[in-house]
């Protein structure tokens, strides 16, 4: 589970205007580290946020944002998975014409 501190205790005073951004960076780096360790990571928000917040009762100012599942992936990529070629990626509309 991921949390961020948005407010100072039980006030509306912002703790940090970058709290959500910082959390996103932390989760991004967690996924890179997991990959480097041969693990898979998946961030998701499909859970009962209200129920979890009520049950865990985070301290004032803290907010539950998402969850991250980390572990060994079952199987690998599907067989016959198509990947775009480098030539295709280089010919994307944002690339300068050669």
PDB file of N, CA and C in Angstrom:
ATOM      1  N   UNK A   1       0.853  -1.160   0.000  1.00  0.00           N
ATOM      2  CA  UNK A   1       0.000   0.000   0.000  1.00  0.00           C
ATOM      3  C   UNK A   1       0.904   1.229   0.000  1.00  0.00           C
ATOM      4  N   UNK A   2       0.472   2.256  -0.709  1.00  0.00           N
ATOM      5  CA  UNK A   2       1.222   3.510  -0.726  1.00  0.00           C
ATOM      6  C   UNK A   2       0.400   4.604  -0.055  1.00  0.00           C
ATOM      7  N   UNK A   3       1.093   5.429   0.692  1.00  0.00           N
ATOM      8  CA  UNK A   3       0.474   6.578   1.347  1.00  0.00           C
ATOM      9  C   UNK A   3       1.311   7.805   1.051  1.00  0.00           C
ATOM     10  N   UNK A   4       0.674   8.959   1.125  1.00  0.00           N
ATOM     11  CA  UNK A   4       1.406  10.206   1.017  1.00  0.00           C
ATOM     12  C   UNK A   4       0.901  11.156   2.090  1.00  0.00           C
ATOM     13  N   UNK A   5       1.783  12.038   2.509  1.00  0.00           N
ATOM     14  CA  UNK A   5       1.395  13.028   3.507  1.00  0.00           C
ATOM     15  C   UNK A   5       1.044  14.310   2.779  1.00  0.00           C
ATOM     16  N   UNK A   6      -0.244  14.595   2.692  1.00  0.00           N
ATOM     17  CA  UNK A   6      -0.710  15.770   1.968  1.00  0.00           C
ATOM     18  C   UNK A   6      -0.855  16.997   2.853  1.00  0.00           C
ATOM     19  N   UNK A   7      -1.234  16.797   4.099  1.00  0.00           N
ATOM     20  CA  UNK A   7      -1.514  17.926   4.981  1.00  0.00           C
ATOM     21  C   UNK A   7      -0.745  17.797   6.291  1.00  0.00           C
ATOM     22  N   UNK A   8      -0.575  18.919   6.978  1.00  0.00           N
ATOM     23  CA  UNK A   8       0.055  18.920   8.293  1.00  0.00           C
ATOM     24  C   UNK A   8      -1.005  18.510   9.305  1.00  0.00           C
ATOM     25  N   UNK A   9      -0.814  17.332   9.850  1.00  0.00           N
ATOM     26  CA  UNK A   9      -1.720  16.759  10.843  1.00  0.00           C
ATOM     27  C   UNK A   9      -3.178  16.865  10.391  1.00  0.00           C
ATOM     28  N   UNK A  10      -4.047  17.431  11.221  1.00  0.00           N
ATOM     29  CA  UNK A  10      -5.466  17.482  10.849  1.00  0.00           C
ATOM     30  C   UNK A  10      -5.888  18.870  10.360  1.00  0.00           C
ATOM     31  N   UNK A  11      -4.921  19.620   9.786  1.00  0.00           N
ATOM     32  CA  UNK A  11      -5.230  20.935   9.217  1.00  0.00           C
ATOM     33  C   UNK A  11      -5.350  20.816   7.701  1.00  0.00           C
ATOM     34  N   UNK A  12      -5.693  21.886   7.050  1.00  0.00           N
ATOM     35  CA  UNK A  12      -5.711  21.928   5.590  1.00  0.00           C
ATOM     36  C   UNK A  12      -4.427  22.528   5.030  1.00  0.00           C
ATOM     37  N   UNK A  13      -3.445  22.784   5.899  1.00  0.00           N
ATOM     38  CA  UNK A  13      -2.152  23.313   5.498  1.00  0.00           C
ATOM     39  C   UNK A  13      -1.378  22.227   4.758  1.00  0.00           C
ATOM     40  N   UNK A  14      -0.973  22.520   3.510  1.00  0.00           N
ATOM     41  CA  UNK A  14      -0.248  21.526   2.717  1.00  0.00           C
ATOM     42  C   UNK A  14       1.073  21.165   3.380  1.00  0.00           C
ATOM     43  N   UNK A  15       1.329  19.870   3.482  1.00  0.00           N
ATOM     44  CA  UNK A  15       2.621  19.396   3.988  1.00  0.00           C
ATOM     45  C   UNK A  15       3.677  19.595   2.911  1.00  0.00           C
ATOM     46  N   UNK A  16       3.301  19.203   1.688  1.00  0.00           N
ATOM     47  CA  UNK A  16       4.181  19.387   0.541  1.00  0.00           C
ATOM     48  C   UNK A  16       3.332  19.414  -0.713  1.00  0.00           C
ATOM     49  N   UNK A  17       3.573  20.393  -1.564  1.00  0.00           N
ATOM     50  CA  UNK A  17       2.830  20.437  -2.824  1.00  0.00           C
ATOM     51  C   UNK A  17       3.318  19.358  -3.785  1.00  0.00           C
ATOM     52  N   UNK A  18       4.421  18.709  -3.447  1.00  0.00           N
ATOM     53  CA  UNK A  18       5.002  17.679  -4.304  1.00  0.00           C
ATOM     54  C   UNK A  18       4.770  16.268  -3.770  1.00  0.00           C
ATOM     55  N   UNK A  19       3.940  16.111  -2.748  1.00  0.00           N
ATOM     56  CA  UNK A  19       3.767  14.815  -2.091  1.00  0.00           C
ATOM     57  C   UNK A  19       3.349  13.714  -3.067  1.00  0.00           C
ATOM     58  N   UNK A  20       2.357  13.974  -3.902  1.00  0.00           N
ATOM     59  CA  UNK A  20       1.894  12.947  -4.836  1.00  0.00           C
ATOM     60  C   UNK A  20       2.963  12.646  -5.887  1.00  0.00           C
ATOM     61  N   UNK A  21       3.629  13.673  -6.362  1.00  0.00           N
ATOM     62  CA  UNK A  21       4.714  13.489  -7.345  1.00  0.00           C
ATOM     63  C   UNK A  21       5.837  12.645  -6.732  1.00  0.00           C
ATOM     64  N   UNK A  22       6.236  12.969  -5.512  1.00  0.00           N
ATOM     65  CA  UNK A  22       7.304  12.229  -4.845  1.00  0.00           C
ATOM     66  C   UNK A  22       6.920  10.757  -4.662  1.00  0.00           C
ATOM     67  N   UNK A  23       5.671  10.513  -4.313  1.00  0.00           N
ATOM     68  CA  UNK A  23       5.213   9.136  -4.165  1.00  0.00           C
ATOM     69  C   UNK A  23       5.277   8.409  -5.507  1.00  0.00           C
ATOM     70  N   UNK A  24       4.857   9.072  -6.570  1.00  0.00           N
ATOM     71  CA  UNK A  24       4.919   8.465  -7.898  1.00  0.00           C
ATOM     72  C   UNK A  24       6.341   8.098  -8.287  1.00  0.00           C
ATOM     73  N   UNK A  25       7.285   8.989  -7.980  1.00  0.00           N
ATOM     74  CA  UNK A  25       8.695   8.704  -8.268  1.00  0.00           C
ATOM     75  C   UNK A  25       9.184   7.506  -7.449  1.00  0.00           C
ATOM     76  N   UNK A  26       8.784   7.436  -6.193  1.00  0.00           N
ATOM     77  CA  UNK A  26       9.198   6.320  -5.338  1.00  0.00           C
ATOM     78  C   UNK A  26       8.676   4.994  -5.885  1.00  0.00           C
ATOM     79  N   UNK A  27       7.411   4.971  -6.303  1.00  0.00           N
ATOM     80  CA  UNK A  27       6.838   3.742  -6.856  1.00  0.00           C
ATOM     81  C   UNK A  27       7.496   3.392  -8.187  1.00  0.00           C
ATOM     82  N   UNK A  28       7.789   4.388  -9.009  1.00  0.00           N
ATOM     83  CA  UNK A  28       8.472   4.131 -10.279  1.00  0.00           C
ATOM     84  C   UNK A  28       9.825   3.474 -10.028  1.00  0.00           C
ATOM     85  N   UNK A  29      10.569   3.996  -9.070  1.00  0.00           N
ATOM     86  CA  UNK A  29      11.876   3.415  -8.779  1.00  0.00           C
ATOM     87  C   UNK A  29      11.757   2.038  -8.140  1.00  0.00           C
ATOM     88  N   UNK A  30      10.710   1.814  -7.355  1.00  0.00           N
ATOM     89  CA  UNK A  30      10.463   0.490  -6.795  1.00  0.00           C
ATOM     90  C   UNK A  30      10.247  -0.525  -7.918  1.00  0.00           C
ATOM     91  N   UNK A  31       9.504  -0.136  -8.958  1.00  0.00           N
ATOM     92  CA  UNK A  31       9.253  -1.070 -10.062  1.00  0.00           C
ATOM     93  C   UNK A  31      10.538  -1.367 -10.836  1.00  0.00           C
ATOM     94  N   UNK A  32      11.402  -0.366 -10.999  1.00  0.00           N
ATOM     95  CA  UNK A  32      12.685  -0.583 -11.681  1.00  0.00           C
ATOM     96  C   UNK A  32      13.560  -1.522 -10.849  1.00  0.00           C
ATOM     97  N   UNK A  33      13.600  -1.293  -9.528  1.00  0.00           N
ATOM     98  CA  UNK A  33      14.395  -2.159  -8.650  1.00  0.00           C
ATOM     99  C   UNK A  33      13.847  -3.581  -8.660  1.00  0.00           C
ATOM    100  N   UNK A  34      12.537  -3.728  -8.636  1.00  0.00           N
ATOM    101  CA  UNK A  34      11.934  -5.062  -8.682  1.00  0.00           C
ATOM    102  C   UNK A  34      12.357  -5.786  -9.958  1.00  0.00           C
ATOM    103  N   UNK A  35      12.285  -5.090 -11.082  1.00  0.00           N
ATOM    104  CA  UNK A  35      12.677  -5.681 -12.365  1.00  0.00           C
ATOM    105  C   UNK A  35      14.133  -6.127 -12.316  1.00  0.00           C
ATOM    106  N   UNK A  36      15.003  -5.291 -11.748  1.00  0.00           N
ATOM    107  CA  UNK A  36      16.429  -5.621 -11.653  1.00  0.00           C
ATOM    108  C   UNK A  36      16.654  -6.860 -10.779  1.00  0.00           C
ATOM    109  N   UNK A  37      15.740  -7.113  -9.869  1.00  0.00           N
ATOM    110  CA  UNK A  37      15.858  -8.272  -8.973  1.00  0.00           C
ATOM    111  C   UNK A  37      15.112  -9.490  -9.505  1.00  0.00           C
ATOM    112  N   UNK A  38      14.607  -9.385 -10.739  1.00  0.00           N
ATOM    113  CA  UNK A  38      13.878 -10.510 -11.330  1.00  0.00           C
ATOM    114  C   UNK A  38      12.451 -10.633 -10.838  1.00  0.00           C
ATOM    115  N   UNK A  39      11.902  -9.561 -10.318  1.00  0.00           N
ATOM    116  CA  UNK A  39      10.532  -9.565  -9.819  1.00  0.00           C
ATOM    117  C   UNK A  39       9.655  -8.705 -10.721  1.00  0.00           C
ATOM    118  N   UNK A  40       8.374  -8.822 -10.539  1.00  0.00           N
ATOM    119  CA  UNK A  40       7.416  -7.995 -11.261  1.00  0.00           C
ATOM    120  C   UNK A  40       6.730  -7.087 -10.244  1.00  0.00           C
ATOM    121  N   UNK A  41       6.320  -5.912 -10.676  1.00  0.00           N
ATOM    122  CA  UNK A  41       5.592  -4.979  -9.814  1.00  0.00           C
ATOM    123  C   UNK A  41       4.424  -4.402 -10.599  1.00  0.00           C
ATOM    124  N   UNK A  42       3.294  -4.270  -9.920  1.00  0.00           N
ATOM    125  CA  UNK A  42       2.101  -3.724 -10.575  1.00  0.00           C
ATOM    126  C   UNK A  42       1.382  -2.818  -9.587  1.00  0.00           C
ATOM    127  N   UNK A  43       1.277  -1.526  -9.932  1.00  0.00           N
ATOM    128  CA  UNK A  43       0.553  -0.580  -9.095  1.00  0.00           C
ATOM    129  C   UNK A  43      -0.912  -0.582  -9.531  1.00  0.00           C
ATOM    130  N   UNK A  44      -1.808  -0.509  -8.548  1.00  0.00           N
ATOM    131  CA  UNK A  44      -3.231  -0.517  -8.894  1.00  0.00           C
ATOM    132  C   UNK A  44      -4.042   0.285  -7.888  1.00  0.00           C
ATOM    133  N   UNK A  45      -5.229   0.651  -8.307  1.00  0.00           N
ATOM    134  CA  UNK A  45      -6.142   1.419  -7.477  1.00  0.00           C
ATOM    135  C   UNK A  45      -7.521   0.748  -7.388  1.00  0.00           C
ATOM    136  N   UNK A  46      -7.614  -0.480  -7.859  1.00  0.00           N
ATOM    137  CA  UNK A  46      -8.890  -1.196  -7.838  1.00  0.00           C
ATOM    138  C   UNK A  46      -9.070  -1.906  -6.495  1.00  0.00           C
ATOM    139  N   UNK A  47      -9.381  -1.111  -5.463  1.00  0.00           N
ATOM    140  CA  UNK A  47      -9.667  -1.669  -4.138  1.00  0.00           C
ATOM    141  C   UNK A  47     -10.606  -0.704  -3.419  1.00  0.00           C
ATOM    142  N   UNK A  48     -11.143  -1.130  -2.304  1.00  0.00           N
ATOM    143  CA  UNK A  48     -12.091  -0.323  -1.543  1.00  0.00           C
ATOM    144  C   UNK A  48     -11.323   0.706  -0.707  1.00  0.00           C
ATOM    145  N   UNK A  49     -11.066   1.857  -1.298  1.00  0.00           N
ATOM    146  CA  UNK A  49     -10.280   2.899  -0.634  1.00  0.00           C
ATOM    147  C   UNK A  49     -10.938   3.355   0.668  1.00  0.00           C
ATOM    148  N   UNK A  50     -12.218   3.594   0.628  1.00  0.00           N
ATOM    149  CA  UNK A  50     -12.921   4.058   1.826  1.00  0.00           C
ATOM    150  C   UNK A  50     -12.846   3.020   2.949  1.00  0.00           C
ATOM    151  N   UNK A  51     -13.088   1.751   2.596  1.00  0.00           N
ATOM    152  CA  UNK A  51     -13.044   0.684   3.592  1.00  0.00           C
ATOM    153  C   UNK A  51     -11.650   0.481   4.170  1.00  0.00           C
ATOM    154  N   UNK A  52     -10.629   0.523   3.303  1.00  0.00           N
ATOM    155  CA  UNK A  52      -9.251   0.348   3.757  1.00  0.00           C
ATOM    156  C   UNK A  52      -8.819   1.517   4.641  1.00  0.00           C
ATOM    157  N   UNK A  53      -9.200   2.731   4.256  1.00  0.00           N
ATOM    158  CA  UNK A  53      -8.873   3.909   5.060  1.00  0.00           C
ATOM    159  C   UNK A  53      -9.519   3.810   6.436  1.00  0.00           C
ATOM    160  N   UNK A  54     -10.766   3.365   6.478  1.00  0.00           N
ATOM    161  CA  UNK A  54     -11.469   3.208   7.752  1.00  0.00           C
ATOM    162  C   UNK A  54     -10.788   2.144   8.612  1.00  0.00           C
ATOM    163  N   UNK A  55     -10.421   1.023   7.986  1.00  0.00           N
ATOM    164  CA  UNK A  55      -9.815  -0.086   8.741  1.00  0.00           C
ATOM    165  C   UNK A  55      -8.414   0.253   9.245  1.00  0.00           C
ATOM    166  N   UNK A  56      -7.584   0.871   8.406  1.00  0.00           N
ATOM    167  CA  UNK A  56      -6.202   1.151   8.793  1.00  0.00           C
ATOM    168  C   UNK A  56      -6.040   2.470   9.550  1.00  0.00           C
ATOM    169  N   UNK A  57      -6.990   3.381   9.365  1.00  0.00           N
ATOM    170  CA  UNK A  57      -7.028   4.648  10.080  1.00  0.00           C
ATOM    171  C   UNK A  57      -5.676   5.366  10.091  1.00  0.00           C
ATOM    172  N   UNK A  58      -5.197   5.801   8.889  1.00  0.00           N
ATOM    173  CA  UNK A  58      -3.915   6.513   8.862  1.00  0.00           C
ATOM    174  C   UNK A  58      -3.959   7.788   9.695  1.00  0.00           C
ATOM    175  N   UNK A  59      -2.794   8.205  10.175  1.00  0.00           N
ATOM    176  CA  UNK A  59      -2.701   9.422  10.992  1.00  0.00           C
ATOM    177  C   UNK A  59      -3.211  10.620  10.194  1.00  0.00           C
ATOM    178  N   UNK A  60      -3.696  11.639  10.886  1.00  0.00           N
ATOM    179  CA  UNK A  60      -4.177  12.845  10.192  1.00  0.00           C
ATOM    180  C   UNK A  60      -3.111  13.411   9.257  1.00  0.00           C
ATOM    181  N   UNK A  61      -3.547  13.830   8.077  1.00  0.00           N
ATOM    182  CA  UNK A  61      -2.653  14.388   7.073  1.00  0.00           C
ATOM    183  C   UNK A  61      -2.186  13.359   6.055  1.00  0.00           C
ATOM    184  N   UNK A  62      -2.274  12.077   6.397  1.00  0.00           N
ATOM    185  CA  UNK A  62      -1.822  10.992   5.510  1.00  0.00           C
ATOM    186  C   UNK A  62      -3.004  10.437   4.721  1.00  0.00           C
ATOM    187  N   UNK A  63      -2.760  10.081   3.455  1.00  0.00           N
ATOM    188  CA  UNK A  63      -3.807   9.581   2.565  1.00  0.00           C
ATOM    189  C   UNK A  63      -3.310   8.328   1.842  1.00  0.00           C
ATOM    190  N   UNK A  64      -4.133   7.284   1.815  1.00  0.00           N
ATOM    191  CA  UNK A  64      -3.824   6.080   1.043  1.00  0.00           C
ATOM    192  C   UNK A  64      -4.055   6.406  -0.425  1.00  0.00           C
ATOM    193  N   UNK A  65      -3.090   6.054  -1.275  1.00  0.00           N
ATOM    194  CA  UNK A  65      -3.182   6.381  -2.694  1.00  0.00           C
ATOM    195  C   UNK A  65      -3.406   5.145  -3.555  1.00  0.00           C
ATOM    196  N   UNK A  66      -2.574   4.140  -3.392  1.00  0.00           N
ATOM    197  CA  UNK A  66      -2.655   2.959  -4.260  1.00  0.00           C
ATOM    198  C   UNK A  66      -2.060   1.758  -3.545  1.00  0.00           C
ATOM    199  N   UNK A  67      -1.999   0.662  -4.256  1.00  0.00           N
ATOM    200  CA  UNK A  67      -1.325  -0.536  -3.769  1.00  0.00           C
ATOM    201  C   UNK A  67      -0.346  -0.981  -4.839  1.00  0.00           C
ATOM    202  N   UNK A  68       0.672  -1.709  -4.402  1.00  0.00           N
ATOM    203  CA  UNK A  68       1.655  -2.242  -5.335  1.00  0.00           C
ATOM    204  C   UNK A  68       1.853  -3.718  -5.013  1.00  0.00           C
ATOM    205  N   UNK A  69       1.619  -4.548  -6.004  1.00  0.00           N
ATOM    206  CA  UNK A  69       1.891  -5.976  -5.862  1.00  0.00           C
ATOM    207  C   UNK A  69       3.295  -6.231  -6.398  1.00  0.00           C
ATOM    208  N   UNK A  70       4.133  -6.880  -5.591  1.00  0.00           N
ATOM    209  CA  UNK A  70       5.499  -7.193  -5.992  1.00  0.00           C
ATOM    210  C   UNK A  70       5.709  -8.686  -5.775  1.00  0.00           C
ATOM    211  N   UNK A  71       6.270  -9.354  -6.780  1.00  0.00           N
ATOM    212  CA  UNK A  71       6.527 -10.785  -6.643  1.00  0.00           C
ATOM    213  C   UNK A  71       6.956 -11.395  -7.954  1.00  0.00           C
ATOM    214  N   UNK A  72       6.999 -12.687  -7.968  1.00  0.00           N
ATOM    215  CA  UNK A  72       7.355 -13.416  -9.183  1.00  0.00           C
ATOM    216  C   UNK A  72       6.129 -13.481 -10.088  1.00  0.00           C
ATOM    217  N   UNK A  73       6.319 -13.118 -11.344  1.00  0.00           N
ATOM    218  CA  UNK A  73       5.223 -13.188 -12.310  1.00  0.00           C
ATOM    219  C   UNK A  73       4.974 -14.651 -12.666  1.00  0.00           C
ATOM    220  N   UNK A  74       3.735 -15.006 -12.851  1.00  0.00           N
ATOM    221  CA  UNK A  74       3.386 -16.358 -13.276  1.00  0.00           C
ATOM    222  C   UNK A  74       3.573 -16.425 -14.776  1.00  0.00           C
ATOM    223  N   UNK A  75       4.537 -17.208 -15.215  1.00  0.00           N
ATOM    224  CA  UNK A  75       4.812 -17.306 -16.645  1.00  0.00           C
ATOM    225  C   UNK A  75       5.476 -16.037 -17.146  1.00  0.00           C
ATOM    226  N   UNK A  76       5.734 -16.015 -18.417  1.00  0.00           N
ATOM    227  CA  UNK A  76       6.349 -14.849 -19.036  1.00  0.00           C
ATOM    228  C   UNK A  76       5.377 -14.196 -19.981  1.00  0.00           C
ATOM    229  N   UNK A  77       5.884 -13.398 -20.887  1.00  0.00           N
ATOM    230  CA  UNK A  77       5.005 -12.789 -21.885  1.00  0.00           C
ATOM    231  C   UNK A  77       4.329 -13.876 -22.728  1.00  0.00           C
ATOM    232  N   UNK A  78       3.138 -13.618 -23.217  1.00  0.00           N
ATOM    233  CA  UNK A  78       2.450 -14.606 -24.041  1.00  0.00           C
ATOM    234  C   UNK A  78       3.281 -14.986 -25.268  1.00  0.00           C
ATOM    235  N   UNK A  79       3.192 -16.231 -25.657  1.00  0.00           N
ATOM    236  CA  UNK A  79       3.891 -16.695 -26.867  1.00  0.00           C
ATOM    237  C   UNK A  79       3.373 -15.928 -28.069  1.00  0.00           C
ATOM    238  N   UNK A  80       4.271 -15.638 -28.991  1.00  0.00           N
ATOM    239  CA  UNK A  80       3.872 -14.946 -30.202  1.00  0.00           C
ATOM    240  C   UNK A  80       3.581 -13.469 -29.982  1.00  0.00           C
ATOM    241  N   UNK A  81       4.044 -12.946 -28.891  1.00  0.00           N
ATOM    242  CA  UNK A  81       3.821 -11.521 -28.602  1.00  0.00           C
ATOM    243  C   UNK A  81       4.566 -10.677 -29.622  1.00  0.00           C
ATOM    244  N   UNK A  82       3.844  -9.767 -30.269  1.00  0.00           N
ATOM    245  CA  UNK A  82       4.439  -8.920 -31.294  1.00  0.00           C
ATOM    246  C   UNK A  82       5.080  -7.692 -30.666  1.00  0.00           C
ATOM    247  N   UNK A  83       6.263  -7.393 -31.130  1.00  0.00           N
ATOM    248  CA  UNK A  83       6.953  -6.174 -30.727  1.00  0.00           C
ATOM    249  C   UNK A  83       7.175  -5.325 -31.970  1.00  0.00           C
ATOM    250  N   UNK A  84       7.106  -4.034 -31.813  1.00  0.00           N
ATOM    251  CA  UNK A  84       7.388  -3.147 -32.931  1.00  0.00           C
ATOM    252  C   UNK A  84       8.894  -3.099 -33.141  1.00  0.00           C
ATOM    253  N   UNK A  85       9.268  -2.978 -34.391  1.00  0.00           N
ATOM    254  CA  UNK A  85      10.694  -2.916 -34.715  1.00  0.00           C
ATOM    255  C   UNK A  85      11.250  -1.527 -34.411  1.00  0.00           C
ATOM    256  N   UNK A  86      12.568  -1.449 -34.315  1.00  0.00           N
ATOM    257  CA  UNK A  86      13.235  -0.166 -34.115  1.00  0.00           C
ATOM    258  C   UNK A  86      12.909   0.768 -35.287  1.00  0.00           C
ATOM    259  N   UNK A  87      12.902   0.218 -36.506  1.00  0.00           N
ATOM    260  CA  UNK A  87      12.590   1.032 -37.681  1.00  0.00           C
ATOM    261  C   UNK A  87      11.192   1.642 -37.558  1.00  0.00           C
ATOM    262  N   UNK A  88      10.243   0.861 -37.059  1.00  0.00           N
ATOM    263  CA  UNK A  88       8.878   1.367 -36.881  1.00  0.00           C
ATOM    264  C   UNK A  88       8.856   2.491 -35.843  1.00  0.00           C
ATOM    265  N   UNK A  89       9.547   2.291 -34.735  1.00  0.00           N
ATOM    266  CA  UNK A  89       9.572   3.304 -33.688  1.00  0.00           C
ATOM    267  C   UNK A  89      10.247   4.589 -34.172  1.00  0.00           C
ATOM    268  N   UNK A  90      11.283   4.437 -34.985  1.00  0.00           N
ATOM    269  CA  UNK A  90      11.990   5.614 -35.494  1.00  0.00           C
ATOM    270  C   UNK A  90      11.168   6.356 -36.543  1.00  0.00           C
ATOM    271  N   UNK A  91      10.176   5.700 -37.130  1.00  0.00           N
ATOM    272  CA  UNK A  91       9.359   6.353 -38.148  1.00  0.00           C
ATOM    273  C   UNK A  91       8.081   6.950 -37.558  1.00  0.00           C
ATOM    274  N   UNK A  92       7.996   7.016 -36.251  1.00  0.00           N
ATOM    275  CA  UNK A  92       6.816   7.559 -35.592  1.00  0.00           C
ATOM    276  C   UNK A  92       6.590   9.009 -36.007  1.00  0.00           C
ATOM    277  N   UNK A  93       5.375   9.488 -35.904  1.00  0.00           N
ATOM    278  CA  UNK A  93       5.059  10.837 -36.386  1.00  0.00           C
ATOM    279  C   UNK A  93       5.853  11.950 -35.699  1.00  0.00           C
ATOM    280  N   UNK A  94       6.372  11.731 -34.513  1.00  0.00           N
ATOM    281  CA  UNK A  94       7.137  12.776 -33.833  1.00  0.00           C
ATOM    282  C   UNK A  94       8.585  12.818 -34.263  1.00  0.00           C
ATOM    283  N   UNK A  95       9.022  11.819 -35.041  1.00  0.00           N
ATOM    284  CA  UNK A  95      10.403  11.779 -35.498  1.00  0.00           C
ATOM    285  C   UNK A  95      10.591  12.693 -36.709  1.00  0.00           C
ATOM    286  N   UNK A  96      11.738  13.353 -36.794  1.00  0.00           N
ATOM    287  CA  UNK A  96      11.978  14.204 -37.969  1.00  0.00           C
ATOM    288  C   UNK A  96      12.114  13.345 -39.222  1.00  0.00           C
ATOM    289  N   UNK A  97      11.681  13.870 -40.324  1.00  0.00           N
ATOM    290  CA  UNK A  97      11.791  13.149 -41.603  1.00  0.00           C
ATOM    291  C   UNK A  97      13.256  13.028 -41.993  1.00  0.00           C
ATOM    292  N   UNK A  98      13.615  11.885 -42.519  1.00  0.00           N
ATOM    293  CA  UNK A  98      15.011  11.684 -42.937  1.00  0.00           C
ATOM    294  C   UNK A  98      15.157  11.941 -44.408  1.00  0.00           C
TER     295      UNK A  98
END
